């Protein structure tokens, strides 16, 4: 597979698939520029080596060409960050857009508007991909956050470029390398922390981590399906009745493969799903009817932190509770603090995008972990043992 270093960009235009699906507030201002900053090394490499760059991305899930999903909102930020004017095409495959890309000079940058304004993008339409390919001499995929999607701009477009004229960007290489560090040869003990609402969302990753991780710490709503599987009383806590038998199987499989699954011994419970609900601490397997677990309790925090602090490798994907509500954020915040402390003590920590990344940054520990992934879904699929279409397309 080609690296950026193997391509001569002199007087060539690189068509770069980036992930600029950044959050905006009501005034269309960027509230988190992590994804833009993560793409800079690849863009700058092209520009510094005599090339020009055409950037393409999606934003949100538009149903039509709604203005709030236009990438025009990030042009000023991108221009300031790159310290140069960034040209903008209102449409990604219009004749105006093609004229702009054809006239780019070395060192210049063009941003195309939202790829998902066209339904053909998500459909993986070959004709749409072929049109996009007109924008560049070289194709670079640096959008790890969409690498698990077989979309036109990630998995289909590469075929329209010669093998020697396609490559993974620097962010992609970093993301895959960080994942492989834990998948192939992790320093031990290796702990995986997983949370979120549903077991069904994490079945494959749990199955793949059993036998690889020494410990798996489970939090969030999914914990109560496991507690139910062990015969506990979980009150009105969220659980998946049709996944109880699967939870039993995973517990058995873990025991047979020397992986210890930890469940929260206590929980912060509430009498309703609300920020101002009445709350108290209860044993996780003794929750009364009318109450639900919304966060791991102080004893669970202490137990989980002890495991984390003795680990050398850490993977975290999914919050420990409803951390968006301050009253139920303490478990997630405490785990973030423990991961940061373990990292400062020499452990390697990989934060798996999505809510986990948001939590780590929200609680101020973003600079205290080894790597925060820009792609939650893509990282999960790597840990599920799947081949990502956006990476496979580059190597074929």
Protein backbone atom coordinates (compact mmCIF):
# COMPACT_ATOMS: atom_id res chain seq x y z
CA UNK A 1 0.00 0.00 0.00
CA UNK A 2 1.38 3.41 -0.98
CA UNK A 3 2.41 5.99 1.56
CA UNK A 4 2.30 9.73 0.94
CA UNK A 5 6.10 9.71 0.82
CA UNK A 6 6.05 7.42 -2.23
CA UNK A 7 4.08 9.90 -4.37
CA UNK A 8 5.58 12.88 -6.22
CA UNK A 9 3.00 15.67 -5.83
CA UNK A 10 4.82 18.21 -8.00
CA UNK A 11 2.20 20.01 -10.13
CA UNK A 12 -0.37 17.38 -9.22
CA UNK A 13 -3.77 17.87 -7.63
CA UNK A 14 -4.52 15.55 -4.73
CA UNK A 15 -8.19 14.75 -4.17
CA UNK A 16 -8.35 14.13 -0.42
CA UNK A 17 -11.30 12.54 1.37
CA UNK A 18 -11.28 14.19 4.77
CA UNK A 19 -13.75 13.98 7.64
CA UNK A 20 -14.93 17.54 8.29
CA UNK A 21 -18.19 16.40 9.89
CA UNK A 22 -17.61 18.82 12.77
CA UNK A 23 -20.21 19.98 15.30
CA UNK A 24 -21.72 23.44 14.80
CA UNK A 25 -23.76 25.57 17.20
CA UNK A 26 -26.95 27.46 16.31
CA UNK A 27 -24.85 30.27 14.86
CA UNK A 28 -23.06 27.75 12.57
CA UNK A 29 -19.83 28.19 14.51
CA UNK A 30 -17.49 25.21 14.95
CA UNK A 31 -17.57 23.96 18.54
CA UNK A 32 -14.90 21.24 18.17
CA UNK A 33 -12.23 21.48 15.46
CA UNK A 34 -10.48 18.18 16.26
CA UNK A 35 -11.28 16.62 12.91
CA UNK A 36 -10.04 19.64 10.98
CA UNK A 37 -6.79 19.76 12.93
CA UNK A 38 -6.31 16.00 12.47
CA UNK A 39 -6.42 16.39 8.67
CA UNK A 40 -3.77 19.11 8.52
CA UNK A 41 -0.63 16.93 8.33
CA UNK A 42 -1.82 15.24 5.13
CA UNK A 43 -2.98 18.49 3.49
CA UNK A 44 0.24 20.26 4.40
CA UNK A 45 2.36 17.37 3.08
CA UNK A 46 0.75 17.73 -0.34
CA UNK A 47 1.11 21.52 -0.40
CA UNK A 48 4.71 21.50 0.85
CA UNK A 49 5.67 19.00 -1.85
CA UNK A 50 4.50 20.99 -4.84
CA UNK A 51 0.88 19.94 -5.09
CA UNK A 52 -2.58 21.44 -4.77
CA UNK A 53 -5.44 19.93 -2.78
CA UNK A 54 -9.13 19.37 -3.41
CA UNK A 55 -10.87 18.44 -0.16
CA UNK A 56 -14.15 16.54 -0.02
CA UNK A 57 -16.24 15.58 2.99
CA UNK A 58 -19.76 14.99 4.25
CA UNK A 59 -21.45 16.90 7.03
CA UNK A 60 -24.41 15.59 8.99
CA UNK A 61 -27.30 13.72 7.41
CA UNK A 62 -28.99 16.13 5.02
CA UNK A 63 -32.26 15.12 3.38
CA UNK A 64 -31.88 17.82 0.74
CA UNK A 65 -29.43 20.67 0.28
CA UNK A 66 -30.14 22.30 3.64
CA UNK A 67 -27.88 25.30 4.28
CA UNK A 68 -27.09 24.23 7.83
CA UNK A 69 -25.19 21.24 6.40
CA UNK A 70 -23.09 23.30 3.99
CA UNK A 71 -19.35 23.08 4.36
CA UNK A 72 -19.16 26.80 3.67
CA UNK A 73 -19.37 27.18 7.45
CA UNK A 74 -15.83 25.85 7.87
CA UNK A 75 -14.09 27.79 5.07
CA UNK A 76 -12.94 30.65 7.30
CA UNK A 77 -11.59 28.29 9.96
CA UNK A 78 -9.79 26.21 7.34
CA UNK A 79 -8.32 29.29 5.64
CA UNK A 80 -7.06 30.61 8.96
CA UNK A 81 -5.61 27.23 9.96
CA UNK A 82 -3.84 26.68 6.65
CA UNK A 83 -2.81 30.35 6.46
CA UNK A 84 -4.05 30.69 2.89
CA UNK A 85 -7.27 31.37 0.97
CA UNK A 86 -9.41 28.26 0.59
CA UNK A 87 -11.58 28.27 -2.51
CA UNK A 88 -15.09 26.86 -2.14
CA UNK A 89 -17.32 25.06 -4.63
CA UNK A 90 -21.04 25.32 -3.84
CA UNK A 91 -21.56 21.90 -5.44
CA UNK A 92 -19.17 18.97 -5.51
CA UNK A 93 -19.76 17.88 -9.14
CA UNK A 94 -20.88 21.06 -10.90
CA UNK A 95 -19.04 22.46 -13.93
CA UNK A 96 -18.04 25.41 -11.74
CA UNK A 97 -16.44 22.98 -9.29
CA UNK A 98 -14.52 21.23 -12.05
CA UNK A 99 -13.26 24.58 -13.40
CA UNK A 100 -12.04 25.52 -9.94
CA UNK A 101 -10.13 22.26 -9.50
CA UNK A 102 -8.68 22.38 -13.04
CA UNK A 103 -7.31 25.88 -12.42
CA UNK A 104 -5.72 25.19 -9.04
CA UNK A 105 -2.08 26.17 -8.81
CA UNK A 106 0.52 24.46 -6.57
CA UNK A 107 -0.11 25.41 -2.95
CA UNK A 108 -3.80 26.19 -3.49
CA UNK A 109 -6.74 24.49 -1.79
CA UNK A 110 -10.34 23.91 -2.89
CA UNK A 111 -13.10 22.64 -0.60
CA UNK A 112 -16.08 20.92 -2.22
CA UNK A 113 -19.52 21.17 -0.70
CA UNK A 114 -21.24 18.37 1.21
CA UNK A 115 -20.97 15.02 -0.58
CA UNK A 116 -24.18 13.82 1.08
CA UNK A 117 -26.21 16.45 -0.75
CA UNK A 118 -26.22 13.60 -3.28
CA UNK A 119 -27.88 10.33 -2.28
CA UNK A 120 -25.41 8.63 -4.63
CA UNK A 121 -22.65 9.18 -2.05
CA UNK A 122 -24.11 6.85 0.59
CA UNK A 123 -25.35 4.47 -2.11
CA UNK A 124 -21.77 3.95 -3.30
CA UNK A 125 -22.78 4.97 -6.82
CA UNK A 126 -20.01 4.29 -9.33
CA UNK A 127 -21.01 7.06 -11.74
CA UNK A 128 -20.96 9.64 -8.93
CA UNK A 129 -17.55 8.38 -7.79
CA UNK A 130 -16.23 8.67 -11.35
CA UNK A 131 -17.36 12.29 -11.51
CA UNK A 132 -15.67 13.09 -8.21
CA UNK A 133 -12.47 11.49 -9.49
CA UNK A 134 -12.23 14.21 -12.17
CA UNK A 135 -11.05 16.60 -9.45
CA UNK A 136 -7.63 15.03 -8.89
CA UNK A 137 -4.56 13.30 -10.27
CA UNK A 138 -4.01 11.48 -6.98
CA UNK A 139 -6.55 10.11 -4.48
CA UNK A 140 -5.89 10.11 -0.75
CA UNK A 141 -8.28 8.72 1.85
CA UNK A 142 -7.71 10.37 5.22
CA UNK A 143 -11.26 10.06 6.59
CA UNK A 144 -10.95 7.37 9.23
CA UNK A 145 -14.35 8.25 10.63
CA UNK A 146 -16.02 6.97 7.44
CA UNK A 147 -13.53 4.23 6.52
CA UNK A 148 -16.06 1.56 7.55
CA UNK A 149 -18.63 2.90 5.07
CA UNK A 150 -18.76 1.61 1.49
CA UNK A 151 -19.59 5.07 0.15
CA UNK A 152 -18.71 6.52 -3.24
CA UNK A 153 -15.95 8.80 -1.93
CA UNK A 154 -14.38 6.22 0.38
CA UNK A 155 -14.62 2.76 -1.18
CA UNK A 156 -15.63 3.18 -4.83
CA UNK A 157 -13.61 6.14 -6.09
CA UNK A 158 -10.15 4.58 -5.73
CA UNK A 159 -10.66 2.35 -8.79
CA UNK A 160 -10.50 5.44 -11.01
CA UNK A 161 -6.90 6.11 -9.99
CA UNK A 162 -3.86 4.00 -10.86
CA UNK A 163 -2.59 1.99 -7.89
CA UNK A 164 0.51 4.18 -7.66
CA UNK A 165 -1.71 7.28 -7.46
CA UNK A 166 -3.74 6.37 -4.37
CA UNK A 167 -2.71 6.31 -0.74
CA UNK A 168 -3.86 6.48 2.84
CA UNK A 169 -3.37 9.82 4.54
CA UNK A 170 -1.33 10.38 7.69
CA UNK A 171 -4.36 10.34 9.98
CA UNK A 172 -5.51 7.01 8.57
CA UNK A 173 -2.06 5.53 9.06
CA UNK A 174 -1.94 6.78 12.64
CA UNK A 175 -5.42 5.45 13.46
CA UNK A 176 -4.77 1.99 12.04
CA UNK A 177 -1.36 1.82 13.70
CA UNK A 178 -2.81 2.70 17.10
CA UNK A 179 -5.52 0.07 16.78
CA UNK A 180 -3.04 -2.61 15.69
CA UNK A 181 -0.86 -1.78 18.69
CA UNK A 182 -3.61 -3.13 20.96
CA UNK A 183 -4.95 -5.81 18.63
CA UNK A 184 -1.68 -7.52 17.77
CA UNK A 185 0.78 -7.16 20.61
CA UNK A 186 -0.52 -5.20 23.59
CA UNK A 187 1.57 -4.73 26.70
CA UNK A 188 -0.09 -6.54 29.56
CA UNK A 189 -2.19 -6.31 31.55
CA UNK A 190 -4.59 -5.11 28.80
CA UNK A 191 -7.93 -3.69 29.98
CA UNK A 192 -10.87 -2.87 27.73
CA UNK A 193 -13.48 -0.50 29.10
CA UNK A 194 -16.81 -0.64 27.32
CA UNK A 195 -20.06 1.13 27.99
CA UNK A 196 -23.10 2.55 26.29
CA UNK A 197 -26.73 1.59 26.24
CA UNK A 198 -26.93 -1.76 24.48
CA UNK A 199 -25.11 -5.08 24.45
CA UNK A 200 -26.29 -5.50 20.86
CA UNK A 201 -24.12 -2.53 19.81
CA UNK A 202 -21.00 -4.14 21.29
CA UNK A 203 -21.52 -7.89 20.70
CA UNK A 204 -18.82 -8.24 18.06
CA UNK A 205 -16.21 -6.18 19.88
CA UNK A 206 -16.84 -8.07 23.13
CA UNK A 207 -16.50 -11.41 21.35
CA UNK A 208 -13.26 -10.31 19.70
CA UNK A 209 -11.77 -8.88 22.91
CA UNK A 210 -12.43 -12.02 24.94
CA UNK A 211 -9.14 -13.88 24.98
CA UNK A 212 -7.24 -10.73 23.91
CA UNK A 213 -7.95 -8.47 26.89
CA UNK A 214 -7.07 -9.54 30.42
CA UNK A 215 -9.95 -7.53 31.87
CA UNK A 216 -13.15 -6.07 30.45
CA UNK A 217 -14.88 -3.38 32.51
CA UNK A 218 -18.54 -2.95 31.60
CA UNK A 219 -20.58 0.15 32.39
CA UNK A 220 -23.54 2.04 31.01
CA UNK A 221 -26.95 0.57 30.31
CA UNK A 222 -25.44 -2.59 28.81
CA UNK A 223 -24.18 -3.62 32.26
CA UNK A 224 -27.71 -4.36 33.44
CA UNK A 225 -28.28 -6.99 30.76
CA UNK A 226 -25.27 -8.83 32.19
CA UNK A 227 -26.44 -8.33 35.77
CA UNK A 228 -29.87 -9.67 34.80
CA UNK A 229 -28.14 -12.66 33.18
CA UNK A 230 -26.51 -13.39 36.56
CA UNK A 231 -29.89 -13.36 38.29
CA UNK A 232 -29.73 -9.86 39.75
CA UNK A 233 -32.64 -7.52 40.40
CA UNK A 234 -32.23 -4.44 38.20
CA UNK A 235 -35.53 -2.64 38.83
CA UNK A 236 -36.51 -0.53 35.84
CA UNK A 237 -32.96 -0.27 34.48
CA UNK A 238 -32.47 -0.45 30.76
CA UNK A 239 -31.72 -3.96 29.54
CA UNK A 240 -32.22 -6.12 26.45
CA UNK A 241 -34.36 -9.11 27.29
CA UNK A 242 -33.49 -10.87 24.05
CA UNK A 243 -29.76 -10.56 24.82
CA UNK A 244 -29.76 -12.09 28.32
CA UNK A 245 -28.82 -15.55 27.02
CA UNK A 246 -26.06 -14.00 24.90
CA UNK A 247 -24.73 -12.20 27.98
CA UNK A 248 -24.59 -15.56 29.79
CA UNK A 249 -22.66 -17.03 26.86
CA UNK A 250 -20.17 -14.14 26.86
CA UNK A 251 -19.59 -14.52 30.60
CA UNK A 252 -18.92 -18.24 30.13
CA UNK A 253 -16.67 -17.68 27.13
CA UNK A 254 -14.66 -15.06 29.04
CA UNK A 255 -14.13 -17.43 31.98
CA UNK A 256 -12.92 -20.12 29.58
CA UNK A 257 -10.46 -17.73 27.90
CA UNK A 258 -8.87 -16.13 30.98
CA UNK A 259 -10.58 -12.78 30.48
CA UNK A 260 -12.22 -11.32 33.58
CA UNK A 261 -15.45 -9.44 32.93
CA UNK A 262 -16.12 -6.86 35.65
CA UNK A 263 -19.63 -5.56 36.32
CA UNK A 264 -20.41 -2.54 38.52
CA UNK A 265 -20.98 -3.68 42.10
CA UNK A 266 -23.07 -0.59 42.86
CA UNK A 267 -24.95 2.02 40.86
CA UNK A 268 -26.28 5.52 41.08
CA UNK A 269 -29.99 4.92 40.61
CA UNK A 270 -32.81 7.34 39.83
CA UNK A 271 -36.60 7.30 40.00
CA UNK A 272 -36.86 8.67 36.45
CA UNK A 273 -34.67 9.39 33.44
CA UNK A 274 -34.18 13.08 34.12
CA UNK A 275 -31.42 15.45 35.17
CA UNK A 276 -33.33 16.44 38.30
CA UNK A 277 -34.50 12.95 39.27
CA UNK A 278 -34.24 11.72 42.83
CA UNK A 279 -31.12 9.57 43.14
CA UNK A 280 -29.36 7.27 45.57
CA UNK A 281 -26.70 4.56 45.69
CA UNK A 282 -27.73 0.91 45.54
CA UNK A 283 -26.14 -2.47 44.91
CA UNK A 284 -26.41 -3.10 41.17
CA UNK A 285 -28.12 -6.45 41.64
CA UNK A 286 -30.57 -5.18 44.27
CA UNK A 287 -32.33 -2.30 42.51
CA UNK A 288 -35.96 -1.87 43.50
CA UNK A 289 -38.85 -1.61 41.07
CA UNK A 290 -39.41 2.00 40.05
CA UNK A 291 -35.69 2.80 40.08
CA UNK A 292 -33.12 2.59 37.29
CA UNK A 293 -29.33 2.60 37.16
CA UNK A 294 -27.94 5.67 35.39
CA UNK A 295 -24.28 5.59 36.47
CA UNK A 296 -21.79 3.29 38.15
CA UNK A 297 -21.50 3.81 41.90
CA UNK A 298 -18.54 4.79 44.11
CA UNK A 299 -17.56 1.20 44.92
CA UNK A 300 -17.55 0.32 41.20
CA UNK A 301 -15.47 3.43 40.51
CA UNK A 302 -12.93 2.31 43.11
CA UNK A 303 -12.79 -1.25 41.76
CA UNK A 304 -12.57 -0.20 38.11
CA UNK A 305 -9.93 2.44 38.82
CA UNK A 306 -7.78 -0.13 40.62
CA UNK A 307 -7.83 -2.38 37.53
CA UNK A 308 -7.06 0.53 35.21
CA UNK A 309 -4.13 1.73 37.32
CA UNK A 310 -2.45 -1.68 37.17
CA UNK A 311 -2.84 -1.94 33.38
CA UNK A 312 -0.24 -1.29 30.69
CA UNK A 313 -2.67 -1.09 27.75
CA UNK A 314 -6.13 0.51 27.82
CA UNK A 315 -8.96 0.65 25.28
CA UNK A 316 -12.00 2.73 26.18
CA UNK A 317 -15.21 2.83 24.16
CA UNK A 318 -18.45 3.95 25.76
CA UNK A 319 -19.42 6.00 28.84
CA UNK A 320 -20.15 4.54 32.27
CA UNK A 321 -23.45 6.36 32.64
CA UNK A 322 -25.61 9.19 31.35
CA UNK A 323 -22.69 11.61 31.56
CA UNK A 324 -24.60 14.34 29.73
CA UNK A 325 -26.53 14.83 32.99
CA UNK A 326 -24.24 16.23 35.68
CA UNK A 327 -25.79 14.12 38.44
CA UNK A 328 -24.93 10.93 36.53
CA UNK A 329 -21.53 11.97 35.13
CA UNK A 330 -19.31 11.09 38.10
CA UNK A 331 -18.56 7.51 37.07
CA UNK A 332 -17.47 8.46 33.55
CA UNK A 333 -15.41 11.37 34.89
CA UNK A 334 -13.68 9.15 37.45
CA UNK A 335 -12.82 6.54 34.81
CA UNK A 336 -11.41 9.32 32.57
CA UNK A 337 -9.26 10.47 35.50
CA UNK A 338 -8.02 6.91 36.13
CA UNK A 339 -7.16 6.40 32.45
CA UNK A 340 -5.27 9.70 32.44
CA UNK A 341 -3.36 8.77 35.59
CA UNK A 342 -2.47 5.33 34.22
CA UNK A 343 -1.25 6.96 31.01
CA UNK A 344 0.89 9.40 32.96
CA UNK A 345 2.31 6.38 34.78
CA UNK A 346 3.39 4.85 31.46
CA UNK A 347 0.38 2.91 30.15
CA UNK A 348 -0.80 3.23 26.55
CA UNK A 349 -4.42 4.43 26.23
CA UNK A 350 -6.64 4.50 23.15
CA UNK A 351 -9.97 6.32 23.40
CA UNK A 352 -12.48 5.03 20.90
CA UNK A 353 -14.14 8.11 19.47
CA UNK A 354 -17.78 9.09 19.88
CA UNK A 355 -19.08 9.57 23.43
CA UNK A 356 -15.81 8.40 24.99
CA UNK A 357 -13.84 11.06 23.13
CA UNK A 358 -16.44 13.69 24.02
CA UNK A 359 -16.27 12.71 27.69
CA UNK A 360 -12.47 12.73 27.89
CA UNK A 361 -12.36 16.17 26.30
CA UNK A 362 -15.30 17.49 28.32
CA UNK A 363 -13.65 16.53 31.59
CA UNK A 364 -10.31 18.03 30.57
CA UNK A 365 -8.23 14.87 30.08
CA UNK A 366 -7.79 15.04 26.31
CA UNK A 367 -4.10 15.84 26.58
CA UNK A 368 -3.48 13.14 29.19
CA UNK A 369 -4.27 10.05 27.08
CA UNK A 370 -2.19 8.46 24.34
CA UNK A 371 -4.62 8.72 21.44
CA UNK A 372 -8.22 9.80 20.88
CA UNK A 373 -9.64 8.19 17.76
CA UNK A 374 -11.51 10.36 15.27
CA UNK A 375 -13.72 7.46 14.24
CA UNK A 376 -15.83 5.57 16.75
CA UNK A 377 -17.58 3.23 14.31
CA UNK A 378 -14.48 2.58 12.23
CA UNK A 379 -12.39 1.80 15.30
CA UNK A 380 -15.06 -0.55 16.62
CA UNK A 381 -15.09 -2.47 13.35
CA UNK A 382 -11.31 -2.84 13.45
CA UNK A 383 -11.64 -4.33 16.94
CA UNK A 384 -14.43 -6.56 15.66
CA UNK A 385 -11.89 -8.02 13.24
CA UNK A 386 -13.46 -6.52 10.12
CA UNK A 387 -11.68 -5.14 7.06
CA UNK A 388 -12.61 -1.51 6.45
CA UNK A 389 -13.84 -0.77 2.88
CA UNK A 390 -12.08 2.60 2.79
CA UNK A 391 -8.73 0.95 3.50
CA UNK A 392 -9.29 -2.12 1.35
CA UNK A 393 -10.03 0.07 -1.69
CA UNK A 394 -6.58 1.71 -1.50
CA UNK A 395 -4.73 -1.60 -1.51
CA UNK A 396 -6.65 -3.39 -4.27
